Each structure stands twice: as C-alpha cells, then as structure tokens.
Amino acid sequence: MNIYATKGHKVIAKNLDWGYPEDIRKAAKYLTRGGAYTVSYTDVGGWRTDVKLTEFDGVLFNSVHFEDFKEGVE
C-alpha cells in the first residue's frame, strides 16, 4: 500500500500472515482477508509503517497487511 496514504484512502486487507507475531494476531482478530477499509492516517517509521483505520478506533495495523484499493479489481 501507499505508506503515505491520506485520510479517506481505501485499502484491501491481503497479507494477514505477514509482519511480527503481534501484527499477525491483531490482523486475525480484526481484519477480513479481502475486506475493504478506510485509512484514517499512517505513521511512517524507519522499519515499519502503522496504519489507523476508521473502522477500528484505537487499533494500529502494520502496513504490510494491505494493498491499495483499485476499483473493479479483486
């Protein structure tokens, strides 16, 4: 996904088994593979980028779980 995505950017959850063990557990708990979500903001770091989604208040996800949404593409 575009790690510099702005508020309102749409992403698709794809790679739920990527990332650190805590990232994988969180993804399994909250995300649905193939589900579309809306970015609230991203926090770009040196080793990872955290993504906050409007659908989950107070939960940060690893950007590796997402791909950019493309209309008409599954």
N, C-alpha and C. Protein backbone atom coordinates (compact mmCIF):
# COMPACT_ATOMS: atom_id res chain seq x y z
N MET A 1 0.83 -1.19 0.00
CA MET A 1 0.00 0.00 0.00
C MET A 1 0.87 1.25 0.00
N ASN A 2 0.27 2.34 -0.39
CA ASN A 2 0.96 3.63 -0.32
C ASN A 2 1.10 4.02 1.14
N ILE A 3 2.31 3.98 1.67
CA ILE A 3 2.50 4.26 3.09
C ILE A 3 2.25 5.73 3.44
N TYR A 4 2.16 6.58 2.43
CA TYR A 4 1.85 8.00 2.65
C TYR A 4 0.37 8.29 2.34
N ALA A 5 -0.45 7.26 2.40
CA ALA A 5 -1.88 7.43 2.13
C ALA A 5 -2.48 8.47 3.07
N THR A 6 -3.41 9.24 2.55
CA THR A 6 -4.07 10.27 3.35
C THR A 6 -5.44 9.80 3.81
N LYS A 7 -6.02 10.55 4.69
CA LYS A 7 -7.33 10.21 5.25
C LYS A 7 -8.33 9.97 4.12
N GLY A 8 -9.06 8.85 4.24
CA GLY A 8 -10.06 8.52 3.25
C GLY A 8 -9.59 7.53 2.18
N HIS A 9 -8.29 7.29 2.13
CA HIS A 9 -7.73 6.34 1.15
C HIS A 9 -8.26 4.95 1.46
N LYS A 10 -8.65 4.21 0.44
CA LYS A 10 -9.19 2.86 0.61
C LYS A 10 -8.08 1.82 0.40
N VAL A 11 -8.09 0.80 1.28
CA VAL A 11 -7.14 -0.31 1.18
C VAL A 11 -7.90 -1.63 1.31
N ILE A 12 -7.26 -2.69 0.86
CA ILE A 12 -7.79 -4.05 0.95
C ILE A 12 -6.85 -4.85 1.84
N ALA A 13 -7.40 -5.61 2.78
CA ALA A 13 -6.59 -6.49 3.63
C ALA A 13 -6.23 -7.73 2.82
N LYS A 14 -4.94 -8.00 2.65
CA LYS A 14 -4.50 -9.12 1.83
C LYS A 14 -3.56 -10.07 2.56
N ASN A 15 -2.51 -9.54 3.13
CA ASN A 15 -1.41 -10.36 3.66
C ASN A 15 -1.49 -10.46 5.18
N LEU A 16 -2.50 -11.14 5.69
CA LEU A 16 -2.76 -11.15 7.12
C LEU A 16 -1.75 -11.98 7.90
N ASP A 17 -0.95 -12.78 7.23
CA ASP A 17 0.05 -13.60 7.91
C ASP A 17 1.47 -13.03 7.77
N TRP A 18 1.57 -11.77 7.39
CA TRP A 18 2.86 -11.09 7.30
C TRP A 18 3.04 -10.20 8.53
N GLY A 19 4.31 -9.90 8.83
CA GLY A 19 4.61 -8.99 9.93
C GLY A 19 5.09 -9.73 11.16
N TYR A 20 5.19 -8.99 12.24
CA TYR A 20 5.61 -9.54 13.52
C TYR A 20 4.46 -10.36 14.12
N PRO A 21 4.76 -11.28 15.05
CA PRO A 21 3.70 -12.11 15.64
C PRO A 21 2.51 -11.30 16.18
N GLU A 22 2.76 -10.19 16.84
CA GLU A 22 1.66 -9.38 17.36
C GLU A 22 0.83 -8.78 16.22
N ASP A 23 1.48 -8.40 15.12
CA ASP A 23 0.76 -7.88 13.95
C ASP A 23 -0.18 -8.95 13.39
N ILE A 24 0.31 -10.17 13.31
CA ILE A 24 -0.47 -11.29 12.76
C ILE A 24 -1.67 -11.58 13.65
N ARG A 25 -1.47 -11.59 14.96
CA ARG A 25 -2.58 -11.82 15.90
C ARG A 25 -3.64 -10.73 15.77
N LYS A 26 -3.20 -9.49 15.70
CA LYS A 26 -4.13 -8.36 15.58
C LYS A 26 -4.90 -8.42 14.26
N ALA A 27 -4.20 -8.74 13.18
CA ALA A 27 -4.86 -8.85 11.88
C ALA A 27 -5.92 -9.94 11.90
N ALA A 28 -5.59 -11.08 12.50
CA ALA A 28 -6.55 -12.20 12.58
C ALA A 28 -7.77 -11.82 13.40
N LYS A 29 -7.58 -11.02 14.42
CA LYS A 29 -8.68 -10.63 15.31
C LYS A 29 -9.63 -9.63 14.65
N TYR A 30 -9.09 -8.67 13.91
CA TYR A 30 -9.89 -7.56 13.42
C TYR A 30 -10.20 -7.56 11.92
N LEU A 31 -9.29 -8.06 11.11
CA LEU A 31 -9.41 -7.88 9.66
C LEU A 31 -9.98 -9.12 8.98
N THR A 32 -10.60 -8.90 7.84
CA THR A 32 -11.09 -9.97 6.98
C THR A 32 -10.29 -9.92 5.68
N ARG A 33 -9.70 -11.04 5.30
CA ARG A 33 -8.93 -11.09 4.05
C ARG A 33 -9.84 -10.68 2.89
N GLY A 34 -9.40 -9.72 2.12
CA GLY A 34 -10.18 -9.20 1.00
C GLY A 34 -11.13 -8.07 1.39
N GLY A 35 -11.20 -7.78 2.69
CA GLY A 35 -12.08 -6.70 3.16
C GLY A 35 -11.53 -5.33 2.81
N ALA A 36 -12.42 -4.40 2.51
CA ALA A 36 -12.03 -3.03 2.19
C ALA A 36 -12.14 -2.17 3.45
N TYR A 37 -11.13 -1.33 3.66
CA TYR A 37 -11.07 -0.47 4.84
C TYR A 37 -10.65 0.94 4.43
N THR A 38 -10.88 1.90 5.33
CA THR A 38 -10.57 3.30 5.07
C THR A 38 -9.48 3.78 6.00
N VAL A 39 -8.43 4.36 5.43
CA VAL A 39 -7.31 4.88 6.21
C VAL A 39 -7.70 6.16 6.91
N SER A 40 -7.39 6.21 8.20
CA SER A 40 -7.55 7.44 8.96
C SER A 40 -6.23 8.23 8.91
N TYR A 41 -5.13 7.52 9.16
CA TYR A 41 -3.79 8.10 8.99
C TYR A 41 -2.74 6.99 8.99
N THR A 42 -1.54 7.34 8.55
CA THR A 42 -0.39 6.43 8.62
C THR A 42 0.72 7.11 9.41
N ASP A 43 1.53 6.30 10.06
CA ASP A 43 2.70 6.78 10.80
C ASP A 43 3.90 6.03 10.25
N VAL A 44 4.65 6.71 9.37
CA VAL A 44 5.77 6.09 8.68
C VAL A 44 6.99 6.12 9.57
N GLY A 45 7.55 4.94 9.84
CA GLY A 45 8.75 4.83 10.65
C GLY A 45 9.90 4.27 9.83
N GLY A 46 11.02 4.06 10.48
CA GLY A 46 12.19 3.55 9.79
C GLY A 46 12.07 2.09 9.38
N TRP A 47 11.41 1.28 10.22
CA TRP A 47 11.31 -0.16 9.98
C TRP A 47 9.92 -0.62 9.65
N ARG A 48 8.92 0.18 9.95
CA ARG A 48 7.54 -0.21 9.69
C ARG A 48 6.67 1.02 9.60
N THR A 49 5.49 0.83 9.05
CA THR A 49 4.50 1.90 8.98
C THR A 49 3.23 1.41 9.65
N ASP A 50 2.75 2.16 10.62
CA ASP A 50 1.49 1.85 11.28
C ASP A 50 0.35 2.52 10.52
N VAL A 51 -0.76 1.80 10.46
CA VAL A 51 -1.94 2.30 9.76
C VAL A 51 -3.12 2.30 10.74
N LYS A 52 -3.78 3.44 10.87
CA LYS A 52 -5.01 3.50 11.65
C LYS A 52 -6.15 3.54 10.67
N LEU A 53 -7.13 2.68 10.89
CA LEU A 53 -8.30 2.59 10.04
C LEU A 53 -9.50 3.22 10.74
N THR A 54 -10.37 3.87 9.98
CA THR A 54 -11.54 4.50 10.58
C THR A 54 -12.47 3.45 11.20
N GLU A 55 -12.42 2.23 10.72
CA GLU A 55 -13.32 1.17 11.20
C GLU A 55 -12.97 0.65 12.60
N PHE A 56 -11.73 0.90 13.07
CA PHE A 56 -11.28 0.36 14.35
C PHE A 56 -10.63 1.46 15.18
N ASP A 57 -11.37 1.99 16.13
CA ASP A 57 -10.87 3.08 16.96
C ASP A 57 -9.77 2.59 17.89
N GLY A 58 -8.62 3.24 17.84
CA GLY A 58 -7.53 2.95 18.76
C GLY A 58 -6.68 1.74 18.42
N VAL A 59 -6.87 1.15 17.24
CA VAL A 59 -6.09 -0.03 16.84
C VAL A 59 -5.19 0.35 15.67
N LEU A 60 -3.90 0.04 15.79
CA LEU A 60 -2.95 0.30 14.72
C LEU A 60 -2.56 -1.02 14.07
N PHE A 61 -2.44 -1.01 12.75
CA PHE A 61 -2.07 -2.19 11.99
C PHE A 61 -0.78 -1.93 11.24
N ASN A 62 -0.07 -2.99 10.90
CA ASN A 62 1.14 -2.91 10.09
C ASN A 62 0.73 -2.75 8.63
N SER A 63 1.37 -1.87 7.92
CA SER A 63 1.03 -1.61 6.51
C SER A 63 1.21 -2.83 5.61
N VAL A 64 2.01 -3.81 6.03
CA VAL A 64 2.23 -4.99 5.19
C VAL A 64 0.95 -5.78 4.95
N HIS A 65 -0.07 -5.55 5.77
CA HIS A 65 -1.32 -6.29 5.63
C HIS A 65 -2.19 -5.78 4.49
N PHE A 66 -1.86 -4.66 3.90
CA PHE A 66 -2.78 -4.00 2.98
C PHE A 66 -2.19 -3.77 1.58
N GLU A 67 -3.12 -3.70 0.62
CA GLU A 67 -2.82 -3.24 -0.73
C GLU A 67 -3.79 -2.10 -1.02
N ASP A 68 -3.41 -1.21 -1.92
CA ASP A 68 -4.30 -0.12 -2.30
C ASP A 68 -5.53 -0.69 -3.00
N PHE A 69 -6.68 -0.11 -2.70
CA PHE A 69 -7.93 -0.50 -3.36
C PHE A 69 -7.92 0.02 -4.78
N LYS A 70 -8.28 -0.85 -5.70
CA LYS A 70 -8.41 -0.46 -7.11
C LYS A 70 -9.80 -0.85 -7.58
N GLU A 71 -10.56 0.11 -8.01
CA GLU A 71 -11.94 -0.11 -8.44
C GLU A 71 -12.00 -1.20 -9.51
N GLY A 72 -12.87 -2.17 -9.30
CA GLY A 72 -13.08 -3.24 -10.28
C GLY A 72 -12.06 -4.35 -10.25
N VAL A 73 -11.12 -4.33 -9.28
CA VAL A 73 -10.08 -5.36 -9.17
C VAL A 73 -10.27 -6.07 -7.84
N GLU A 74 -10.25 -7.40 -7.88
CA GLU A 74 -10.38 -8.17 -6.63
C GLU A 74 -9.04 -8.64 -6.17
